[in-house]
Amino acid sequence: METPIGVLLIRPLSAYLQQELSKRYTLFKYWQVPPDLRREFLGKHSNSIKAVVGNGVQGADTELIDALPFLEIVASHSSGLDKIDLELCRERGIRVTYTPDALTDEVADMAVLLTLATLRRICAADRFVRRGEWKKSDFNLTTKFSGKSVGIIGLGRIGSAIARRAEAFGCSIGYHSRSQKPNSRYKFYPSVLNLASDSQILIVACALTQETRHIIDRHVIDALGRNGIIVNIARGSHIDEAELISALVEGRLAGAGLDVLENEPQVPNALIGLDNIVLSPHVGASTVETRKAMADLVVQNLEAHFSDKPLLTPVI
């Protein structure tokens, strides 16, 4: 008798995704297993678990993959891959998929939203009204977005979508990436430091790798300058958070819009107390439409794999 295909869902992703997976496979909800019982749980079900579904917060690390000898595919409900041990997957012949195009527009929209909210201090203005301070005085002047110089770190799908949106605001666009894009009309900078020196707004939209961890450090922040702002819709570890806080507190940076943090969901008290930043709980792709599209793509990739058909969005 053939063993039913087991799918290990790492996190409580959408009810829709859980329903679709349950229709097709034996669904194991990993987050419901107490941490001290997980090794025993994996040992008990390792024969049937052939797929793992995670996202940009939790994926398939070395320990999890090693505990699943019959694992065939890791389907990431995310465009990021830094939570997956890709090298081990290659060694073991485990397929990996992700959901790149499904979330491009929403994340790019979020980058523009955070930029506008930071420059125009929308959250602070909202608090100003709610506290009744408008009756006593006018809100302080803010800064416009239109016409600013925008530097984008990573000109992939999301970075390019951000650039197109920024162009609509009359912004000049520069970018840094691993290599120059031959068909791009935007100015290429061989280093992040040079890009920051020529930008008023610096937006992080690259993948997280060993090379891009803390790509925003004190030198880059100082090159951007006291009137600059940083927006991050990629991964928290792209920014040296301690240096960012220091620059914001000391006035060496005007502001920041952050959808991601280095140790999320933990938020440093120093950030919470600052009025020149906008914080968002990693929701760049959290719209009803996008989450459905991402869930559908995860399911379609699993169906393709277990039917011996080509994967829709393969990484490996």
Protein backbone atom coordinates (compact mmCIF):
# COMPACT_ATOMS: atom_id res chain seq x y z
CA MET A 1 0.00 0.00 0.00
CA GLU A 2 1.39 3.39 -1.03
CA THR A 3 2.18 5.80 1.81
CA PRO A 4 0.03 8.99 1.65
CA ILE A 5 1.98 12.10 0.79
CA GLY A 6 2.61 14.13 3.92
CA VAL A 7 3.15 17.90 3.78
CA LEU A 8 4.72 19.67 6.74
CA LEU A 9 3.42 23.23 7.04
CA ILE A 10 5.88 25.14 9.21
CA ARG A 11 3.81 28.21 10.09
CA PRO A 12 0.06 29.03 10.31
CA LEU A 13 -0.25 30.46 6.83
CA SER A 14 -3.64 31.31 5.34
CA ALA A 15 -6.70 29.21 6.03
CA TYR A 16 -7.14 28.98 2.26
CA LEU A 17 -3.70 27.40 1.83
CA GLN A 18 -4.33 24.97 4.66
CA GLN A 19 -7.65 23.94 3.11
CA GLU A 20 -6.12 23.41 -0.32
CA LEU A 21 -3.25 21.35 1.08
CA SER A 22 -5.62 19.28 3.24
CA LYS A 23 -7.72 18.41 0.17
CA ARG A 24 -4.73 16.85 -1.53
CA TYR A 25 -2.30 15.65 1.13
CA THR A 26 -1.91 14.63 4.74
CA LEU A 27 -1.24 17.99 6.35
CA PHE A 28 1.00 18.24 9.41
CA LYS A 29 0.87 21.59 11.28
CA TYR A 30 4.34 21.95 12.72
CA TRP A 31 3.63 25.08 14.79
CA GLN A 32 1.12 23.13 16.84
CA VAL A 33 3.79 20.69 18.01
CA PRO A 34 5.46 21.78 21.28
CA PRO A 35 9.18 22.52 20.66
CA ASP A 36 10.32 19.82 23.10
CA LEU A 37 8.32 17.19 21.19
CA ARG A 38 9.31 18.11 17.65
CA ARG A 39 12.19 15.68 17.29
CA GLU A 40 9.93 12.82 18.35
CA PHE A 41 7.17 14.10 16.05
CA LEU A 42 9.47 14.23 13.02
CA GLY A 43 10.82 10.77 13.77
CA LYS A 44 7.29 9.38 13.93
CA HIS A 45 6.15 10.94 10.64
CA SER A 46 9.39 11.13 8.65
CA ASN A 47 8.39 8.22 6.40
CA SER A 48 5.41 10.11 5.01
CA ILE A 49 6.61 13.74 4.97
CA LYS A 50 7.76 14.39 1.42
CA ALA A 51 7.16 18.13 1.26
CA VAL A 52 7.80 21.13 3.49
CA VAL A 53 5.98 24.45 3.09
CA GLY A 54 7.47 27.48 4.83
CA ASN A 55 7.84 31.20 4.18
CA GLY A 56 10.27 34.07 4.59
CA VAL A 57 10.19 33.81 8.38
CA GLN A 58 10.64 30.05 8.78
CA GLY A 59 11.68 27.57 6.14
CA ALA A 60 13.65 24.35 5.91
CA ASP A 61 16.93 24.63 7.77
CA THR A 62 19.68 22.03 8.04
CA GLU A 63 18.27 20.39 11.15
CA LEU A 64 14.78 19.99 9.69
CA ILE A 65 16.02 18.62 6.37
CA ASP A 66 18.30 16.13 8.13
CA ALA A 67 15.32 14.87 10.13
CA LEU A 68 13.30 14.13 6.97
CA PRO A 69 15.04 11.40 4.93
CA PHE A 70 12.20 11.11 2.38
CA LEU A 71 11.83 14.86 1.76
CA GLU A 72 11.44 15.59 -1.95
CA ILE A 73 10.45 19.24 -2.21
CA VAL A 74 10.49 22.50 -0.23
CA ALA A 75 7.84 24.97 -1.41
CA SER A 76 8.42 28.46 -0.07
CA HIS A 77 5.40 30.73 0.37
CA SER A 78 7.74 33.67 -0.21
CA SER A 79 10.13 35.23 -2.69
CA GLY A 80 12.95 34.96 -0.16
CA LEU A 81 15.09 31.86 0.18
CA ASP A 82 17.37 32.72 3.08
CA LYS A 83 15.45 30.44 5.48
CA ILE A 84 16.19 27.35 3.35
CA ASP A 85 19.46 25.41 3.33
CA LEU A 86 19.77 25.51 -0.45
CA GLU A 87 23.16 23.82 -0.51
CA LEU A 88 21.89 20.82 1.42
CA CYS A 89 18.84 20.66 -0.85
CA ARG A 90 21.15 20.53 -3.86
CA GLU A 91 23.23 17.79 -2.30
CA ARG A 92 20.15 15.70 -1.51
CA GLY A 93 18.36 16.35 -4.80
CA ILE A 94 15.49 18.10 -3.02
CA ARG A 95 13.51 20.43 -5.28
CA VAL A 96 12.86 24.01 -4.11
CA THR A 97 10.20 26.42 -5.35
CA TYR A 98 9.15 29.93 -4.38
CA THR A 99 6.51 32.55 -5.24
CA PRO A 100 8.38 35.43 -6.88
CA ASP A 101 5.94 37.13 -9.25
CA ALA A 102 2.86 36.72 -7.08
CA LEU A 103 3.99 39.38 -4.61
CA THR A 104 6.04 41.80 -6.71
CA ASP A 105 3.45 44.56 -7.04
CA GLU A 106 2.33 44.51 -3.41
CA VAL A 107 5.87 44.69 -2.03
CA ALA A 108 6.76 47.48 -4.45
CA ASP A 109 3.61 49.33 -3.38
CA MET A 110 4.68 48.91 0.24
CA ALA A 111 8.09 50.41 -0.52
CA VAL A 112 6.44 53.52 -1.97
CA LEU A 113 3.96 53.64 0.92
CA LEU A 114 6.75 53.51 3.51
CA THR A 115 8.72 56.14 1.61
CA LEU A 116 5.77 58.52 1.53
CA ALA A 117 4.77 57.79 5.13
CA THR A 118 8.33 58.43 6.33
CA LEU A 119 8.92 61.61 4.34
CA ARG A 120 5.48 63.07 5.11
CA ARG A 121 5.49 61.69 8.70
CA ILE A 122 1.99 60.29 8.26
CA CYS A 123 2.03 58.17 11.43
CA ALA A 124 3.24 61.07 13.55
CA ALA A 125 0.58 63.31 11.95
CA ASP A 126 -2.10 60.75 12.78
CA ARG A 127 -0.98 60.69 16.43
CA PHE A 128 -0.87 64.51 16.43
CA VAL A 129 -4.54 64.67 15.41
CA ARG A 130 -5.67 61.92 17.78
CA ARG A 131 -3.97 63.60 20.77
CA GLY A 132 -5.88 66.81 20.08
CA GLU A 133 -2.71 68.79 19.36
CA TRP A 134 -4.07 70.15 16.08
CA LYS A 135 -6.32 72.45 18.14
CA LYS A 136 -3.23 74.02 19.71
CA SER A 137 -0.75 74.28 16.85
CA ASP A 138 0.04 73.37 13.25
CA PHE A 139 1.92 70.18 12.44
CA ASN A 140 5.59 70.63 11.54
CA LEU A 141 6.60 70.85 7.89
CA THR A 142 7.65 67.60 6.22
CA THR A 143 9.51 66.62 3.03
CA LYS A 144 8.17 65.73 -0.42
CA PHE A 145 8.85 62.55 -2.38
CA SER A 146 8.49 63.94 -5.91
CA GLY A 147 11.75 64.72 -7.66
CA LYS A 148 14.02 63.04 -5.12
CA SER A 149 16.98 60.85 -6.08
CA VAL A 150 16.21 57.22 -5.25
CA GLY A 151 18.84 54.53 -4.86
CA ILE A 152 17.66 50.93 -5.05
CA ILE A 153 19.76 48.05 -3.76
CA GLY A 154 18.79 45.05 -5.88
CA LEU A 155 17.19 45.59 -9.28
CA GLY A 156 15.34 42.30 -9.60
CA ARG A 157 11.59 41.92 -10.01
CA ILE A 158 10.71 43.94 -6.92
CA GLY A 159 13.47 46.50 -7.31
CA SER A 160 12.44 47.15 -10.91
CA ALA A 161 8.79 47.53 -9.89
CA ILE A 162 9.81 50.05 -7.23
CA ALA A 163 11.85 51.97 -9.79
CA ARG A 164 8.89 52.23 -12.17
CA ARG A 165 6.71 53.59 -9.38
CA ALA A 166 9.35 56.09 -8.27
CA GLU A 167 9.72 57.32 -11.85
CA ALA A 168 6.03 58.27 -11.78
CA PHE A 169 6.94 60.69 -8.98
CA GLY A 170 9.59 62.29 -11.17
CA CYS A 171 12.42 60.70 -9.22
CA SER A 172 15.86 59.96 -10.67
CA ILE A 173 16.81 56.30 -10.21
CA GLY A 174 20.15 54.70 -9.43
CA TYR A 175 20.82 51.12 -8.43
CA HIS A 176 23.39 48.69 -7.14
CA SER A 177 23.28 44.96 -7.80
CA ARG A 178 25.69 42.07 -8.23
CA SER A 179 26.11 43.03 -11.87
CA GLN A 180 25.00 45.80 -14.18
CA LYS A 181 21.68 45.19 -15.93
CA PRO A 182 22.46 45.49 -19.66
CA ASN A 183 19.01 46.69 -20.70
CA SER A 184 18.36 49.04 -17.78
CA ARG A 185 17.97 52.77 -18.32
CA TYR A 186 18.86 53.46 -14.69
CA LYS A 187 22.31 54.47 -13.51
CA PHE A 188 24.40 51.60 -12.16
CA TYR A 189 26.66 52.09 -9.14
CA PRO A 190 29.39 49.48 -8.52
CA SER A 191 29.19 50.01 -4.74
CA VAL A 192 26.43 50.69 -2.22
CA LEU A 193 28.57 53.47 -0.76
CA ASN A 194 28.64 55.34 -4.07
CA LEU A 195 24.91 54.78 -4.54
CA ALA A 196 24.15 56.16 -1.08
CA SER A 197 26.33 59.22 -1.69
CA ASP A 198 24.23 60.10 -4.74
CA SER A 199 20.81 59.31 -3.21
CA GLN A 200 18.32 61.03 -0.94
CA ILE A 201 16.24 57.87 -0.49
CA LEU A 202 17.84 54.43 -0.22
CA ILE A 203 15.55 51.41 -0.69
CA VAL A 204 16.67 47.87 0.12
CA ALA A 205 15.18 45.28 -2.26
CA CYS A 206 17.87 42.61 -2.62
CA ALA A 207 18.04 39.00 -1.50
CA LEU A 208 19.64 38.24 1.85
CA THR A 209 22.96 36.44 1.47
CA GLN A 210 26.22 36.36 3.38
CA GLU A 211 27.39 39.20 1.14
CA THR A 212 24.34 41.39 1.69
CA ARG A 213 24.01 40.94 5.45
CA HIS A 214 24.52 44.39 7.02
CA ILE A 215 24.98 45.88 3.55
CA ILE A 216 23.63 49.02 5.22
CA ASP A 217 26.31 49.87 7.77
CA ARG A 218 27.58 53.07 9.39
CA HIS A 219 29.58 54.06 6.30
CA VAL A 220 26.57 53.74 4.00
CA ILE A 221 24.31 55.59 6.45
CA ASP A 222 26.79 58.45 6.74
CA ALA A 223 27.16 58.56 2.95
CA LEU A 224 23.39 58.92 2.63
CA GLY A 225 23.54 61.78 5.09
CA ARG A 226 21.44 63.58 7.66
CA ASN A 227 18.65 64.42 5.20
CA GLY A 228 18.39 60.92 3.78
CA ILE A 229 15.94 58.15 4.56
CA ILE A 230 16.24 54.37 4.35
CA VAL A 231 13.37 52.05 3.40
CA ASN A 232 13.65 48.29 3.87
CA ILE A 233 11.11 45.84 2.42
CA ALA A 234 13.59 42.96 2.02
CA ARG A 235 15.08 41.40 5.16
CA GLY A 236 15.90 42.97 8.52
CA SER A 237 19.47 41.68 8.53
CA HIS A 238 20.36 43.81 5.53
CA ILE A 239 20.70 46.68 7.99
CA ASP A 240 23.02 46.93 10.96
CA GLU A 241 20.18 47.80 13.32
CA ALA A 242 22.39 49.19 16.09
CA GLU A 243 24.01 51.60 13.63
CA LEU A 244 20.62 52.60 12.23
CA ILE A 245 19.29 53.40 15.69
CA SER A 246 22.42 55.38 16.51
CA ALA A 247 22.14 57.43 13.32
CA LEU A 248 18.43 58.15 13.87
CA VAL A 249 18.97 59.19 17.48
CA GLU A 250 21.99 61.37 16.67
CA GLY A 251 20.37 63.04 13.68
CA ARG A 252 22.82 61.58 11.15
CA LEU A 253 19.82 60.17 9.26
CA ALA A 254 16.44 61.83 8.75
CA GLY A 255 14.25 58.76 8.95
CA ALA A 256 13.50 55.16 8.08
CA GLY A 257 10.56 53.08 6.89
CA LEU A 258 10.90 49.46 7.96
CA ASP A 259 8.66 46.54 7.07
CA VAL A 260 11.30 44.10 8.36
CA LEU A 261 13.53 43.96 11.42
CA GLU A 262 16.67 42.06 12.30
CA ASN A 263 15.15 39.92 15.07
CA GLU A 264 11.45 40.16 14.28
CA PRO A 265 8.99 40.09 15.88
CA GLN A 266 11.23 41.51 18.62
CA VAL A 267 11.42 45.30 18.27
CA PRO A 268 14.17 47.24 20.07
CA ASN A 269 12.74 49.74 22.54
CA ALA A 270 15.04 52.34 21.04
CA LEU A 271 13.18 52.04 17.72
CA ILE A 272 9.75 52.14 19.32
CA GLY A 273 10.62 55.42 21.01
CA LEU A 274 11.67 57.18 17.81
CA ASP A 275 9.26 59.51 16.01
CA ASN A 276 11.20 59.67 12.73
CA ILE A 277 10.56 56.10 11.64
CA VAL A 278 7.59 54.13 10.35
CA LEU A 279 7.35 50.52 11.52
CA SER A 280 5.34 47.78 9.82
CA PRO A 281 5.06 44.09 10.90
CA HIS A 282 6.50 42.42 7.76
CA VAL A 283 3.28 42.78 5.76
CA GLY A 284 4.62 43.83 2.36
CA ALA A 285 2.89 40.90 0.67
CA SER A 286 -0.03 40.63 3.10
CA THR A 287 -3.01 41.39 0.93
CA VAL A 288 -5.94 39.07 0.32
CA GLU A 289 -5.24 38.96 -3.41
CA THR A 290 -1.53 38.28 -3.09
CA ARG A 291 -1.81 35.65 -0.39
CA LYS A 292 -4.29 33.70 -2.52
CA ALA A 293 -2.01 33.91 -5.55
CA MET A 294 0.96 32.78 -3.44
CA ALA A 295 -1.02 29.89 -1.96
CA ASP A 296 -2.17 28.79 -5.41
CA LEU A 297 1.41 28.81 -6.66
CA VAL A 298 2.61 26.73 -3.71
CA VAL A 299 -0.11 24.15 -4.35
CA GLN A 300 0.48 24.13 -8.11
CA ASN A 301 4.20 23.52 -7.61
CA LEU A 302 3.49 20.61 -5.27
CA GLU A 303 0.97 19.13 -7.68
CA ALA A 304 3.43 19.45 -10.55
CA HIS A 305 6.19 17.77 -8.58
CA PHE A 306 4.11 14.82 -7.40
CA SER A 307 2.71 14.38 -10.94
CA ASP A 308 6.22 14.38 -12.49
CA LYS A 309 5.49 17.59 -14.38
CA PRO A 310 7.76 20.66 -14.71
CA LEU A 311 7.74 22.96 -11.70
CA LEU A 312 6.21 26.39 -12.24
CA THR A 313 8.76 28.43 -10.29
CA PRO A 314 11.80 26.24 -9.62
CA VAL A 315 14.85 27.39 -7.69
CA ILE A 316 16.48 23.95 -7.70
